[in-house]
């Protein structure tokens, strides 16, 4: 029995590591399609806000933009560690308002805290004029184009 103790300890450690790794890689992709989505059910969602509400840390919000590839929504608050991605910066556009200069809020606000938010492969435009037209936060944005 004395010889089995190190083996049992290693086995317990290996199982614990596997469980931890499994929980780190478990992510759900939430689709946002404003043409067919609804905000009171499962994915696809009509709004990014509804997809964020349904998400947990580590999930992916995948924006299609519908048939026209444009998604219009302002005041989106991100309060979880997420990846928010489009189909390509020249393909998916997220805008606060269809007309430049008419928005009453910026597109995204990132809550303070220990969040990791990745924005990938979409263009952000038409946020409220002034400081931080597209985003309110101190963050690093990669693979994202804001023409403002």
Protein backbone atom coordinates (compact mmCIF):
# COMPACT_ATOMS: atom_id res chain seq x y z
CA UNK A 1 0.00 0.00 0.00
CA UNK A 2 2.90 2.31 0.75
CA UNK A 3 4.11 2.00 -2.87
CA UNK A 4 0.66 2.95 -4.22
CA UNK A 5 0.47 6.33 -2.47
CA UNK A 6 2.66 8.22 -5.00
CA UNK A 7 0.69 6.66 -7.87
CA UNK A 8 -2.64 7.62 -6.30
CA UNK A 9 -1.40 11.19 -5.73
CA UNK A 10 -0.26 11.48 -9.36
CA UNK A 11 -3.53 10.01 -10.61
CA UNK A 12 -5.54 12.49 -8.53
CA UNK A 13 -3.41 15.37 -9.81
CA UNK A 14 -3.82 14.23 -13.43
CA UNK A 15 -7.61 13.98 -13.07
CA UNK A 16 -7.78 17.43 -11.46
CA UNK A 17 -5.71 18.92 -14.30
CA UNK A 18 -7.92 17.31 -16.94
CA UNK A 19 -11.07 18.65 -15.29
CA UNK A 20 -9.56 22.11 -15.07
CA UNK A 21 -8.49 22.04 -18.74
CA UNK A 22 -11.95 20.87 -19.79
CA UNK A 23 -13.60 23.77 -17.99
CA UNK A 24 -11.19 26.25 -19.59
CA UNK A 25 -11.91 25.07 -23.13
CA UNK A 26 -15.70 24.80 -22.80
CA UNK A 27 -17.09 27.78 -24.66
CA UNK A 28 -20.37 28.44 -26.34
CA UNK A 29 -20.80 30.41 -29.54
CA UNK A 30 -23.81 32.74 -29.54
CA UNK A 31 -24.93 33.87 -33.00
CA UNK A 32 -26.29 37.38 -33.57
CA UNK A 33 -28.41 37.70 -36.71
CA UNK A 34 -30.73 40.68 -36.69
CA UNK A 35 -32.78 39.24 -39.57
CA UNK A 36 -33.87 35.98 -37.92
CA UNK A 37 -32.79 36.22 -34.28
CA UNK A 38 -34.98 36.74 -31.23
CA UNK A 39 -33.98 38.11 -27.83
CA UNK A 40 -36.17 35.91 -25.67
CA UNK A 41 -34.90 32.49 -26.66
CA UNK A 42 -31.78 30.60 -27.67
CA UNK A 43 -29.25 31.62 -30.32
CA UNK A 44 -29.50 33.22 -32.84
CA UNK A 45 -30.15 36.50 -31.08
CA UNK A 46 -31.42 39.72 -32.64
CA UNK A 47 -29.07 41.88 -30.54
CA UNK A 48 -25.53 41.71 -29.25
CA UNK A 49 -26.84 42.80 -25.84
CA UNK A 50 -29.08 39.71 -25.62
CA UNK A 51 -26.23 37.43 -26.68
CA UNK A 52 -23.97 38.94 -24.00
CA UNK A 53 -26.70 38.43 -21.38
CA UNK A 54 -26.91 34.73 -22.30
CA UNK A 55 -23.12 34.26 -22.42
CA UNK A 56 -20.68 33.28 -19.71
CA UNK A 57 -17.00 34.19 -19.41
CA UNK A 58 -14.99 32.75 -22.28
CA UNK A 59 -17.89 32.49 -24.75
CA UNK A 60 -17.90 33.80 -28.30
CA UNK A 61 -20.41 36.27 -29.73
CA UNK A 62 -20.49 35.73 -33.50
CA UNK A 63 -22.10 38.64 -35.41
CA UNK A 64 -23.42 37.94 -38.89
CA UNK A 65 -25.09 41.31 -39.47
CA UNK A 66 -27.97 39.64 -41.30
CA UNK A 67 -28.44 39.70 -45.07
CA UNK A 68 -26.99 43.22 -45.40
CA UNK A 69 -24.01 42.46 -43.07
CA UNK A 70 -24.84 45.57 -41.01
CA UNK A 71 -25.90 45.37 -37.38
CA UNK A 72 -27.28 48.55 -35.78
CA UNK A 73 -27.17 48.75 -31.99
CA UNK A 74 -25.82 51.30 -29.53
CA UNK A 75 -24.98 51.30 -25.83
CA UNK A 76 -23.81 47.68 -25.80
CA UNK A 77 -22.34 46.97 -22.36
CA UNK A 78 -19.77 44.19 -22.15
CA UNK A 79 -19.52 42.92 -18.58
CA UNK A 80 -17.93 39.51 -19.19
CA UNK A 81 -14.70 38.19 -20.67
CA UNK A 82 -15.76 37.40 -24.24
CA UNK A 83 -14.68 37.25 -27.84
CA UNK A 84 -16.92 39.36 -30.04
CA UNK A 85 -16.28 38.67 -33.70
CA UNK A 86 -17.64 39.40 -37.12
CA UNK A 87 -17.20 37.75 -40.50
CA UNK A 88 -14.45 40.15 -41.65
CA UNK A 89 -13.73 43.84 -41.20
CA UNK A 90 -14.95 44.67 -44.70
CA UNK A 91 -17.90 42.26 -44.38
CA UNK A 92 -19.46 42.88 -40.94
CA UNK A 93 -20.35 46.39 -39.75
CA UNK A 94 -21.60 47.20 -36.25
CA UNK A 95 -22.97 50.73 -36.05
CA UNK A 96 -24.68 52.83 -33.40
CA UNK A 97 -27.04 54.43 -35.93
CA UNK A 98 -27.61 54.07 -39.69
CA UNK A 99 -26.79 57.76 -40.21
CA UNK A 100 -23.49 59.28 -39.17
CA UNK A 101 -23.88 61.95 -36.47
CA UNK A 102 -27.33 60.76 -35.32
CA UNK A 103 -26.39 58.27 -32.57
CA UNK A 104 -27.10 59.12 -28.93
CA UNK A 105 -24.53 56.70 -27.48
CA UNK A 106 -21.31 54.95 -28.39
CA UNK A 107 -21.40 51.43 -29.76
CA UNK A 108 -19.63 49.52 -26.94
CA UNK A 109 -18.94 50.20 -23.26
CA UNK A 110 -16.64 47.83 -21.40
CA UNK A 111 -17.29 47.51 -17.67
CA UNK A 112 -14.28 48.03 -15.46
CA UNK A 113 -12.76 45.01 -13.82
CA UNK A 114 -10.61 42.10 -14.75
CA UNK A 115 -12.17 41.46 -18.14
CA UNK A 116 -10.53 40.13 -21.27
CA UNK A 117 -12.58 41.20 -24.26
CA UNK A 118 -11.43 40.45 -27.80
CA UNK A 119 -12.99 42.29 -30.74
CA UNK A 120 -12.25 40.55 -34.04
CA UNK A 121 -13.00 41.03 -37.70
CA UNK A 122 -15.63 43.77 -37.91
CA UNK A 123 -15.92 47.49 -38.51
CA UNK A 124 -17.40 49.81 -35.87
CA UNK A 125 -18.95 53.12 -36.97
CA UNK A 126 -21.38 55.97 -36.30
CA UNK A 127 -20.99 56.13 -32.53
CA UNK A 128 -21.84 59.33 -30.67
CA UNK A 129 -19.51 62.19 -31.46
CA UNK A 130 -16.92 63.10 -28.87
CA UNK A 131 -14.52 61.07 -26.82
CA UNK A 132 -14.65 57.36 -27.56
CA UNK A 133 -17.10 57.26 -30.46
CA UNK A 134 -16.93 53.49 -30.74
CA UNK A 135 -15.71 52.33 -27.33
CA UNK A 136 -15.74 53.52 -23.73
CA UNK A 137 -12.86 51.79 -22.00
CA UNK A 138 -9.12 51.47 -22.09
CA UNK A 139 -8.58 48.44 -24.25
CA UNK A 140 -6.54 47.05 -27.09
CA UNK A 141 -8.49 46.38 -30.28
CA UNK A 142 -6.99 44.11 -32.89
CA UNK A 143 -8.27 43.22 -36.38
CA UNK A 144 -10.99 45.81 -36.09
CA UNK A 145 -11.44 48.90 -38.24
CA UNK A 146 -13.24 52.04 -37.14
CA UNK A 147 -13.47 54.62 -39.94
CA UNK A 148 -14.28 57.42 -37.49
